[in-house]
Amino acid sequence: MTDCDRDPPAGLGPRGSALWSDLTAEFELDLDVAQIAIELCRAVDVAEALASVLAEQGYTTGGSRGQTRVHPAVAELRATGLLIARLTKELDLPEDEPVDKATSMRTDAARKAANARWDMDRMRSRGRAAA
């Protein structure tokens, strides 16, 4: 990526932009990985917006017949969290991701496995480059 590609994509909020800046400062992203990173940043912004809605309105709301029901944003936040986890896993970053702990759902074991895969890939590519 060129330096101008390191600017946060248009439409990202403060948290998504900060994550983008962290990712591009730490890693060289090819086009495919950059697209995943952009979607991750957007999902982080959506999660933050949903969390704000729930903080303001609460986790329950009135149903059509006046009954108390779970706020629809709860399910959306849960789904967004799963999306964040999937996108983070797809990035398969070689080091600790700059995704904060509330966002990252990867375990230490998964991180170590990803690091091991990246180390193997690096060793293979160095072997091919030397041949």
N, C-alpha and C. Protein backbone atom coordinates (compact mmCIF):
# COMPACT_ATOMS: atom_id res chain seq x y z
N MET A 1 0.84 -1.18 0.00
CA MET A 1 0.00 0.00 0.00
C MET A 1 0.88 1.24 0.00
N THR A 2 0.44 2.27 -0.68
CA THR A 2 1.17 3.52 -0.66
C THR A 2 0.76 4.32 0.57
N ASP A 3 1.50 5.38 0.85
CA ASP A 3 1.18 6.20 2.02
C ASP A 3 -0.22 6.77 1.96
N CYS A 4 -0.69 7.16 0.76
CA CYS A 4 -2.03 7.72 0.68
C CYS A 4 -3.08 6.65 0.98
N ASP A 5 -2.77 5.38 0.72
CA ASP A 5 -3.70 4.30 1.04
C ASP A 5 -3.82 4.07 2.54
N ARG A 6 -2.90 4.62 3.29
CA ARG A 6 -2.93 4.46 4.74
C ARG A 6 -3.94 5.39 5.41
N ASP A 7 -4.43 6.38 4.67
CA ASP A 7 -5.47 7.25 5.22
C ASP A 7 -6.73 6.43 5.43
N PRO A 8 -7.44 6.67 6.52
CA PRO A 8 -8.68 5.91 6.75
C PRO A 8 -9.66 6.09 5.60
N PRO A 9 -10.31 5.01 5.19
CA PRO A 9 -11.31 5.12 4.12
C PRO A 9 -12.44 6.07 4.52
N ALA A 10 -13.04 6.70 3.54
CA ALA A 10 -14.15 7.62 3.79
C ALA A 10 -15.29 6.88 4.47
N GLY A 11 -15.93 7.57 5.39
CA GLY A 11 -17.11 7.03 6.03
C GLY A 11 -16.85 6.32 7.35
N LEU A 12 -15.60 6.11 7.71
CA LEU A 12 -15.31 5.47 8.99
C LEU A 12 -15.48 6.48 10.12
N GLY A 13 -15.98 6.00 11.24
CA GLY A 13 -16.10 6.83 12.43
C GLY A 13 -14.77 6.90 13.16
N PRO A 14 -14.75 7.57 14.29
CA PRO A 14 -13.49 7.74 15.04
C PRO A 14 -12.84 6.40 15.43
N ARG A 15 -13.63 5.47 15.93
CA ARG A 15 -13.04 4.21 16.37
C ARG A 15 -12.56 3.36 15.19
N GLY A 16 -13.34 3.31 14.12
CA GLY A 16 -12.93 2.59 12.92
C GLY A 16 -11.70 3.20 12.29
N SER A 17 -11.65 4.53 12.27
CA SER A 17 -10.48 5.22 11.72
C SER A 17 -9.24 4.95 12.55
N ALA A 18 -9.40 4.94 13.86
CA ALA A 18 -8.26 4.66 14.73
C ALA A 18 -7.76 3.23 14.51
N LEU A 19 -8.69 2.29 14.38
CA LEU A 19 -8.29 0.90 14.12
C LEU A 19 -7.58 0.80 12.79
N TRP A 20 -8.10 1.47 11.75
CA TRP A 20 -7.45 1.46 10.44
C TRP A 20 -6.03 2.00 10.54
N SER A 21 -5.87 3.11 11.25
CA SER A 21 -4.54 3.70 11.41
C SER A 21 -3.59 2.74 12.12
N ASP A 22 -4.10 2.06 13.16
CA ASP A 22 -3.28 1.08 13.87
C ASP A 22 -2.88 -0.07 12.96
N LEU A 23 -3.84 -0.58 12.19
CA LEU A 23 -3.56 -1.71 11.31
C LEU A 23 -2.55 -1.35 10.23
N THR A 24 -2.73 -0.20 9.60
CA THR A 24 -1.84 0.16 8.50
C THR A 24 -0.47 0.62 9.01
N ALA A 25 -0.41 1.08 10.25
CA ALA A 25 0.90 1.44 10.81
C ALA A 25 1.70 0.19 11.15
N GLU A 26 1.00 -0.86 11.55
CA GLU A 26 1.64 -2.08 12.02
C GLU A 26 1.93 -3.07 10.90
N PHE A 27 1.07 -3.12 9.87
CA PHE A 27 1.15 -4.16 8.86
C PHE A 27 1.07 -3.59 7.46
N GLU A 28 1.74 -4.27 6.51
CA GLU A 28 1.58 -3.98 5.10
C GLU A 28 0.40 -4.82 4.63
N LEU A 29 -0.64 -4.18 4.13
CA LEU A 29 -1.85 -4.88 3.73
C LEU A 29 -1.94 -4.94 2.21
N ASP A 30 -2.08 -6.16 1.67
CA ASP A 30 -2.36 -6.23 0.24
C ASP A 30 -3.83 -5.91 0.02
N LEU A 31 -4.25 -5.84 -1.23
CA LEU A 31 -5.59 -5.37 -1.55
C LEU A 31 -6.68 -6.22 -0.90
N ASP A 32 -6.56 -7.54 -0.97
CA ASP A 32 -7.57 -8.42 -0.38
C ASP A 32 -7.66 -8.25 1.13
N VAL A 33 -6.52 -8.20 1.78
CA VAL A 33 -6.50 -8.05 3.23
C VAL A 33 -7.00 -6.66 3.62
N ALA A 34 -6.69 -5.66 2.83
CA ALA A 34 -7.16 -4.30 3.11
C ALA A 34 -8.69 -4.24 3.07
N GLN A 35 -9.31 -4.97 2.13
CA GLN A 35 -10.78 -4.99 2.07
C GLN A 35 -11.38 -5.61 3.32
N ILE A 36 -10.76 -6.67 3.82
CA ILE A 36 -11.22 -7.28 5.07
C ILE A 36 -11.04 -6.30 6.23
N ALA A 37 -9.90 -5.61 6.25
CA ALA A 37 -9.63 -4.65 7.31
C ALA A 37 -10.65 -3.50 7.29
N ILE A 38 -11.02 -3.06 6.10
CA ILE A 38 -12.02 -1.99 5.99
C ILE A 38 -13.36 -2.46 6.57
N GLU A 39 -13.76 -3.68 6.22
CA GLU A 39 -15.02 -4.22 6.75
C GLU A 39 -14.94 -4.37 8.26
N LEU A 40 -13.79 -4.77 8.78
CA LEU A 40 -13.60 -4.87 10.23
C LEU A 40 -13.77 -3.49 10.88
N CYS A 41 -13.16 -2.48 10.31
CA CYS A 41 -13.27 -1.12 10.85
C CYS A 41 -14.71 -0.63 10.83
N ARG A 42 -15.43 -0.93 9.76
CA ARG A 42 -16.84 -0.55 9.69
C ARG A 42 -17.66 -1.27 10.75
N ALA A 43 -17.38 -2.55 10.94
CA ALA A 43 -18.10 -3.34 11.95
C ALA A 43 -17.84 -2.80 13.35
N VAL A 44 -16.61 -2.38 13.61
CA VAL A 44 -16.28 -1.79 14.91
C VAL A 44 -17.08 -0.51 15.13
N ASP A 45 -17.21 0.29 14.09
CA ASP A 45 -18.04 1.51 14.20
C ASP A 45 -19.51 1.17 14.47
N VAL A 46 -20.02 0.16 13.79
CA VAL A 46 -21.41 -0.25 14.00
C VAL A 46 -21.60 -0.74 15.43
N ALA A 47 -20.66 -1.54 15.92
CA ALA A 47 -20.75 -2.04 17.30
C ALA A 47 -20.75 -0.89 18.29
N GLU A 48 -19.92 0.10 18.04
CA GLU A 48 -19.90 1.25 18.94
C GLU A 48 -21.23 2.01 18.91
N ALA A 49 -21.80 2.18 17.73
CA ALA A 49 -23.08 2.87 17.61
C ALA A 49 -24.19 2.09 18.32
N LEU A 50 -24.20 0.77 18.14
CA LEU A 50 -25.21 -0.06 18.81
C LEU A 50 -25.04 -0.01 20.32
N ALA A 51 -23.81 -0.04 20.80
CA ALA A 51 -23.57 0.04 22.24
C ALA A 51 -24.06 1.38 22.78
N SER A 52 -23.89 2.45 22.01
CA SER A 52 -24.38 3.76 22.43
C SER A 52 -25.90 3.79 22.52
N VAL A 53 -26.56 3.17 21.55
CA VAL A 53 -28.03 3.10 21.57
C VAL A 53 -28.48 2.37 22.82
N LEU A 54 -27.85 1.24 23.12
CA LEU A 54 -28.23 0.47 24.30
C LEU A 54 -27.93 1.21 25.59
N ALA A 55 -26.83 1.95 25.63
CA ALA A 55 -26.51 2.73 26.83
C ALA A 55 -27.55 3.81 27.05
N GLU A 56 -28.05 4.39 25.97
CA GLU A 56 -29.05 5.46 26.07
C GLU A 56 -30.46 4.92 26.33
N GLN A 57 -30.83 3.84 25.63
CA GLN A 57 -32.21 3.37 25.67
C GLN A 57 -32.44 2.15 26.57
N GLY A 58 -31.37 1.52 26.99
CA GLY A 58 -31.51 0.32 27.82
C GLY A 58 -31.61 -0.94 26.98
N TYR A 59 -31.56 -2.07 27.66
CA TYR A 59 -31.54 -3.36 26.99
C TYR A 59 -32.94 -3.93 26.75
N THR A 60 -33.95 -3.27 27.26
CA THR A 60 -35.32 -3.70 27.01
C THR A 60 -36.12 -2.55 26.45
N THR A 61 -37.23 -2.91 25.81
CA THR A 61 -38.11 -1.92 25.21
C THR A 61 -39.53 -2.46 25.29
N GLY A 62 -40.48 -1.61 25.02
CA GLY A 62 -41.88 -2.05 25.05
C GLY A 62 -42.25 -2.73 23.74
N GLY A 63 -42.97 -3.83 23.85
CA GLY A 63 -43.47 -4.53 22.67
C GLY A 63 -44.75 -3.89 22.17
N SER A 64 -45.33 -4.45 21.12
CA SER A 64 -46.53 -3.89 20.50
C SER A 64 -47.75 -3.95 21.42
N ARG A 65 -47.70 -4.84 22.40
CA ARG A 65 -48.82 -4.96 23.34
C ARG A 65 -48.44 -4.47 24.74
N GLY A 66 -47.37 -3.70 24.78
CA GLY A 66 -46.96 -3.12 26.05
C GLY A 66 -46.07 -4.03 26.89
N GLN A 67 -45.79 -5.22 26.39
CA GLN A 67 -44.92 -6.14 27.14
C GLN A 67 -43.47 -5.68 27.04
N THR A 68 -42.67 -6.10 27.99
CA THR A 68 -41.24 -5.80 27.96
C THR A 68 -40.55 -6.86 27.09
N ARG A 69 -39.72 -6.38 26.19
CA ARG A 69 -38.97 -7.30 25.33
C ARG A 69 -37.53 -6.80 25.18
N VAL A 70 -36.68 -7.67 24.73
CA VAL A 70 -35.27 -7.32 24.54
C VAL A 70 -35.18 -6.30 23.40
N HIS A 71 -34.37 -5.29 23.60
CA HIS A 71 -34.17 -4.26 22.59
C HIS A 71 -33.56 -4.92 21.34
N PRO A 72 -34.05 -4.58 20.14
CA PRO A 72 -33.51 -5.18 18.91
C PRO A 72 -32.01 -4.95 18.73
N ALA A 73 -31.48 -3.89 19.31
CA ALA A 73 -30.05 -3.60 19.17
C ALA A 73 -29.18 -4.65 19.87
N VAL A 74 -29.76 -5.38 20.83
CA VAL A 74 -29.00 -6.43 21.52
C VAL A 74 -28.60 -7.52 20.52
N ALA A 75 -29.59 -7.98 19.72
CA ALA A 75 -29.30 -9.01 18.72
C ALA A 75 -28.34 -8.49 17.65
N GLU A 76 -28.51 -7.24 17.26
CA GLU A 76 -27.63 -6.66 16.26
C GLU A 76 -26.20 -6.54 16.79
N LEU A 77 -26.06 -6.16 18.05
CA LEU A 77 -24.73 -6.06 18.64
C LEU A 77 -24.07 -7.43 18.73
N ARG A 78 -24.86 -8.43 19.10
CA ARG A 78 -24.34 -9.80 19.15
C ARG A 78 -23.86 -10.24 17.76
N ALA A 79 -24.67 -9.99 16.73
CA ALA A 79 -24.32 -10.37 15.36
C ALA A 79 -23.08 -9.60 14.89
N THR A 80 -23.00 -8.34 15.25
CA THR A 80 -21.83 -7.54 14.87
C THR A 80 -20.58 -8.05 15.56
N GLY A 81 -20.71 -8.46 16.82
CA GLY A 81 -19.57 -9.05 17.52
C GLY A 81 -19.07 -10.32 16.84
N LEU A 82 -20.00 -11.13 16.37
CA LEU A 82 -19.61 -12.35 15.64
C LEU A 82 -18.92 -11.99 14.32
N LEU A 83 -19.43 -10.97 13.65
CA LEU A 83 -18.79 -10.51 12.41
C LEU A 83 -17.38 -10.01 12.69
N ILE A 84 -17.22 -9.24 13.75
CA ILE A 84 -15.89 -8.74 14.12
C ILE A 84 -14.94 -9.91 14.37
N ALA A 85 -15.41 -10.92 15.09
CA ALA A 85 -14.58 -12.08 15.37
C ALA A 85 -14.19 -12.79 14.08
N ARG A 86 -15.15 -12.96 13.16
CA ARG A 86 -14.87 -13.65 11.90
C ARG A 86 -13.87 -12.86 11.05
N LEU A 87 -14.08 -11.55 10.96
CA LEU A 87 -13.17 -10.71 10.16
C LEU A 87 -11.78 -10.68 10.77
N THR A 88 -11.72 -10.61 12.10
CA THR A 88 -10.42 -10.62 12.77
C THR A 88 -9.69 -11.93 12.48
N LYS A 89 -10.44 -13.02 12.51
CA LYS A 89 -9.84 -14.33 12.21
C LYS A 89 -9.38 -14.38 10.75
N GLU A 90 -10.18 -13.83 9.84
CA GLU A 90 -9.80 -13.82 8.42
C GLU A 90 -8.53 -13.02 8.18
N LEU A 91 -8.31 -11.96 8.96
CA LEU A 91 -7.09 -11.18 8.79
C LEU A 91 -5.86 -12.01 9.12
N ASP A 92 -5.99 -12.92 10.10
CA ASP A 92 -4.91 -13.84 10.45
C ASP A 92 -3.58 -13.10 10.59
N LEU A 93 -3.61 -12.05 11.39
CA LEU A 93 -2.44 -11.20 11.56
C LEU A 93 -1.32 -11.95 12.26
N PRO A 94 -0.07 -11.67 11.91
CA PRO A 94 1.05 -12.43 12.46
C PRO A 94 1.44 -12.04 13.88
N GLU A 95 0.96 -10.95 14.38
CA GLU A 95 1.30 -10.50 15.72
C GLU A 95 0.02 -10.12 16.43
N ASP A 96 0.14 -9.70 17.70
CA ASP A 96 -1.06 -9.25 18.41
C ASP A 96 -1.73 -8.15 17.62
N GLU A 97 -3.01 -8.32 17.36
CA GLU A 97 -3.76 -7.35 16.59
C GLU A 97 -3.93 -6.07 17.40
N PRO A 98 -3.97 -4.93 16.71
CA PRO A 98 -4.24 -3.69 17.43
C PRO A 98 -5.72 -3.51 17.73
N VAL A 99 -6.48 -4.58 17.68
CA VAL A 99 -7.90 -4.53 18.04
C VAL A 99 -7.98 -4.61 19.55
N ASP A 100 -8.74 -3.72 20.18
CA ASP A 100 -8.78 -3.72 21.64
C ASP A 100 -9.43 -4.99 22.16
N LYS A 101 -9.24 -5.27 23.45
CA LYS A 101 -9.70 -6.53 24.04
C LYS A 101 -11.20 -6.70 23.96
N ALA A 102 -11.95 -5.61 24.03
CA ALA A 102 -13.40 -5.72 23.94
C ALA A 102 -13.82 -6.16 22.55
N THR A 103 -13.05 -5.83 21.55
CA THR A 103 -13.37 -6.16 20.17
C THR A 103 -12.84 -7.53 19.80
N SER A 104 -11.63 -7.84 20.21
CA SER A 104 -10.99 -9.08 19.81
C SER A 104 -11.52 -10.25 20.61
N MET A 105 -11.95 -11.29 19.91
CA MET A 105 -12.46 -12.48 20.58
C MET A 105 -11.52 -13.67 20.39
N ARG A 106 -10.33 -13.39 19.85
CA ARG A 106 -9.38 -14.48 19.62
C ARG A 106 -8.67 -14.83 20.91
N THR A 107 -8.44 -16.11 21.09
CA THR A 107 -7.75 -16.57 22.29
C THR A 107 -6.25 -16.53 22.08
N ASP A 108 -5.51 -16.63 23.18
CA ASP A 108 -4.05 -16.68 23.07
C ASP A 108 -3.61 -17.87 22.23
N ALA A 109 -4.29 -19.00 22.39
CA ALA A 109 -3.93 -20.19 21.62
C ALA A 109 -4.12 -19.96 20.13
N ALA A 110 -5.21 -19.30 19.75
CA ALA A 110 -5.45 -19.01 18.33
C ALA A 110 -4.39 -18.05 17.79
N ARG A 111 -4.01 -17.07 18.60
CA ARG A 111 -2.97 -16.13 18.19
C ARG A 111 -1.64 -16.84 17.97
N LYS A 112 -1.31 -17.75 18.90
CA LYS A 112 -0.06 -18.51 18.76
C LYS A 112 -0.10 -19.39 17.52
N ALA A 113 -1.25 -20.00 17.24
CA ALA A 113 -1.37 -20.84 16.05
C ALA A 113 -1.20 -20.00 14.78
N ALA A 114 -1.81 -18.81 14.77
CA ALA A 114 -1.67 -17.93 13.61
C ALA A 114 -0.22 -17.51 13.43
N ASN A 115 0.44 -17.17 14.53
CA ASN A 115 1.86 -16.81 14.45
C ASN A 115 2.69 -17.95 13.90
N ALA A 116 2.38 -19.17 14.32
CA ALA A 116 3.12 -20.33 13.83
C ALA A 116 2.90 -20.51 12.33
N ARG A 117 1.64 -20.32 11.87
CA ARG A 117 1.36 -20.43 10.43
C ARG A 117 2.13 -19.38 9.65
N TRP A 118 2.15 -18.15 10.16
CA TRP A 118 2.88 -17.08 9.47
C TRP A 118 4.37 -17.37 9.46
N ASP A 119 4.90 -17.89 10.56
CA ASP A 119 6.32 -18.24 10.60
C ASP A 119 6.64 -19.30 9.56
N MET A 120 5.77 -20.31 9.43
CA MET A 120 5.97 -21.37 8.43
C MET A 120 5.91 -20.77 7.02
N ASP A 121 4.94 -19.88 6.77
CA ASP A 121 4.83 -19.25 5.45
C ASP A 121 6.06 -18.42 5.13
N ARG A 122 6.57 -17.69 6.12
CA ARG A 122 7.78 -16.88 5.90
C ARG A 122 8.97 -17.77 5.56
N MET A 123 9.10 -18.89 6.29
CA MET A 123 10.22 -19.79 6.03
C MET A 123 10.10 -20.39 4.63
N ARG A 124 8.88 -20.77 4.22
CA ARG A 124 8.68 -21.32 2.88
C ARG A 124 9.01 -20.29 1.82
N SER A 125 8.54 -19.06 2.00
CA SER A 125 8.79 -18.03 0.98
C SER A 125 10.27 -17.67 0.90
N ARG A 126 10.96 -17.70 2.01
CA ARG A 126 12.41 -17.45 1.96
C ARG A 126 13.12 -18.57 1.23
N GLY A 127 12.66 -19.79 1.42
CA GLY A 127 13.26 -20.92 0.71
C GLY A 127 13.04 -20.84 -0.79
N ARG A 128 11.87 -20.39 -1.20
CA ARG A 128 11.59 -20.24 -2.62
C ARG A 128 12.37 -19.08 -3.22
N ALA A 129 12.52 -18.02 -2.44
CA ALA A 129 13.24 -16.84 -2.93
C ALA A 129 14.72 -17.17 -3.15
N ALA A 130 15.25 -18.05 -2.29
CA ALA A 130 16.67 -18.40 -2.41
C ALA A 130 16.91 -19.36 -3.55
N ALA A 131 15.88 -20.11 -3.95
CA ALA A 131 16.06 -21.13 -5.00
C ALA A 131 16.08 -20.54 -6.37
